[in-house]
Amino acid sequence: MTEKLRLDILSFGLALGTLTAIVLFSFGLVALISGLGRPYVDLVSSILLGYSSTIFGSIMGAVWGFILGFVEGLLLAWFYNVFLRMKQ
């Protein structure tokens, strides 16, 4: 029988946190430069303190994105591993 692969919880959290930070930073800069996605940035800024379509706001979005993505990644990998153990 083949052994199922488990996820490394910390690595998955770091990966998802980094990806979320890059996405929120990019959205903020694109909204600043071209105006595209400004309604999205305005909507997300109602949840994330300091996020806006400015340089500083984009950095704040990246910080929030890393924190939230990291926590989500930890939880997703942990739940995946728990359910994987239950199935075996």
Protein backbone atom coordinates (compact mmCIF):
# COMPACT_ATOMS: atom_id res chain seq x y z
CA MET A 1 0.00 0.00 0.00
CA THR A 2 1.34 3.43 -0.86
CA GLU A 3 1.76 5.99 1.89
CA LYS A 4 -0.15 9.23 1.51
CA LEU A 5 1.88 12.41 1.39
CA ARG A 6 1.44 14.80 4.31
CA LEU A 7 1.82 18.55 4.01
CA ASP A 8 4.48 20.43 5.95
CA ILE A 9 2.33 22.87 7.91
CA LEU A 10 4.92 25.65 8.27
CA SER A 11 6.05 25.50 4.63
CA PHE A 12 2.49 25.57 3.37
CA GLY A 13 1.72 28.57 5.59
CA LEU A 14 4.78 30.45 4.36
CA ALA A 15 3.97 29.66 0.73
CA LEU A 16 0.35 30.76 0.97
CA GLY A 17 1.27 33.85 3.00
CA THR A 18 3.86 34.91 0.44
CA LEU A 19 1.49 34.34 -2.46
CA THR A 20 -1.30 36.33 -0.80
CA ALA A 21 1.11 39.17 0.03
CA ILE A 22 2.30 39.36 -3.59
CA VAL A 23 -1.27 39.37 -4.92
CA LEU A 24 -2.50 42.14 -2.59
CA PHE A 25 0.62 44.23 -3.20
CA SER A 26 0.22 43.84 -6.97
CA PHE A 27 -3.48 44.73 -6.90
CA GLY A 28 -2.71 47.88 -4.91
CA LEU A 29 -0.02 48.98 -7.36
CA VAL A 30 -2.11 48.22 -10.44
CA ALA A 31 -4.98 50.25 -8.97
CA LEU A 32 -2.55 53.10 -8.27
CA ILE A 33 -0.93 53.11 -11.71
CA SER A 34 -3.84 52.36 -14.03
CA GLY A 35 -6.98 52.60 -11.94
CA LEU A 36 -7.95 49.04 -12.81
CA GLY A 37 -9.30 47.15 -9.84
CA ARG A 38 -9.79 50.22 -7.69
CA PRO A 39 -13.29 49.07 -6.61
CA TYR A 40 -11.75 45.75 -5.48
CA VAL A 41 -9.05 47.55 -3.49
CA ASP A 42 -11.69 49.83 -1.95
CA LEU A 43 -13.77 46.80 -0.96
CA VAL A 44 -10.83 44.95 0.58
CA SER A 45 -9.68 48.13 2.34
CA SER A 46 -12.91 48.07 4.34
CA ILE A 47 -11.61 44.86 5.94
CA LEU A 48 -7.82 45.35 5.99
CA LEU A 49 -6.70 48.37 8.00
CA GLY A 50 -4.40 50.64 5.99
CA TYR A 51 -4.84 48.93 2.61
CA SER A 52 -5.37 51.37 -0.26
CA SER A 53 -4.21 52.11 -3.79
CA THR A 54 -1.04 53.92 -2.66
CA ILE A 55 2.53 52.73 -2.17
CA PHE A 56 2.15 52.63 1.62
CA GLY A 57 -1.31 51.07 1.29
CA SER A 58 0.07 48.37 -0.99
CA ILE A 59 2.78 47.57 1.55
CA MET A 60 0.14 47.39 4.30
CA GLY A 61 -1.90 45.07 2.09
CA ALA A 62 1.15 42.86 1.61
CA VAL A 63 1.70 42.69 5.37
CA TRP A 64 -1.94 41.83 6.03
CA GLY A 65 -1.90 39.39 3.12
CA PHE A 66 1.11 37.57 4.51
CA ILE A 67 -0.40 37.32 7.99
CA LEU A 68 -3.80 36.13 6.80
CA GLY A 69 -2.39 33.82 4.13
CA PHE A 70 0.05 32.32 6.62
CA VAL A 71 -2.72 31.54 9.11
CA GLU A 72 -4.95 30.14 6.36
CA GLY A 73 -2.10 28.00 5.06
CA LEU A 74 -1.38 26.64 8.53
CA LEU A 75 -5.02 25.74 9.05
CA LEU A 76 -5.48 24.21 5.60
CA ALA A 77 -2.38 22.03 5.90
CA TRP A 78 -3.28 21.00 9.46
CA PHE A 79 -6.84 20.03 8.47
CA TYR A 80 -5.56 18.19 5.41
CA ASN A 81 -3.17 16.14 7.56
CA VAL A 82 -5.89 15.42 10.14
CA PHE A 83 -8.35 14.21 7.51
CA LEU A 84 -5.63 12.19 5.83
CA ARG A 85 -4.90 10.38 9.12
CA MET A 86 -8.62 9.73 9.65
CA LYS A 87 -8.89 8.12 6.23
CA GLN A 88 -5.99 5.70 6.80
